[in-house]
């Protein structure tokens, strides 16, 4: 993106003097450096927090805006006394899933790997379930895979990556990250369900006519065959922390 800035008067004169002295190669370079220093001095996490709480920005958008990982942004929001809207907010956020195509966004990939539900996704591929994500998330997934390998866990091949369009028109004014736009646009284009653990993402996607559900739907769908592993997955999911009320998926013992 190219941004034009009009600079005149004493400010312009000083910038040109810096160029004449050889401190910067051009006025444009001096302005870029000034903007970089300006941004470094801003508390981007605090601005992101306020966008999340007061402007309905998604967790994925504010993490991207602040330039931090989901984990760091989640911890920061919690430190401010707010519980992030991750996971199941109401009973309508989960449903029994039938074989077919499902699109995942970045936060959902994170919760899938963090909780271990990614292993369930992989096992479901042989049953006619297909899990897709925008190609812009491929490098992020490689990082999640590397973390699994460092923990001594086997690699997963649960998700396929696809080229996805961006949202157009008024929809682009929403505070969504690029990969969220792509995930929603692809789900809309293909008539697929969006699996998102970002409650704000789900709300925006629903307004656009996209069917959505939380990743916890996987646990609901496979509860009868997960047996003893179900409790472990539920507790791991909740520790992210992702919301999963007990009335949605009661555990014995």
Foldseek 3Di string as FASTA:
>chain_A
DDDDDDDDDPVVVVLVVCCVVVVDVDSVRVVVVVVVVVVVPDQLLVVLLCCVPPVLAWLQLSCVRNVHDSLVSQVVNVVVVDHAQFADPDLLQADADDADEEEEFDVQLVLCLQLVVLVLLQVCVVVRHAYEFAPVCVVVNVVSQVVCVVVVHDGGDRYDHDHFDFDDDPLVVHSYDRRLRRRLRRCVVVVHEYAGRTVSSCVSSVVVPHHYHHPCNSCVNCVVPCPPCSVSSVVSPCVSPGDDDCVNPPDDD
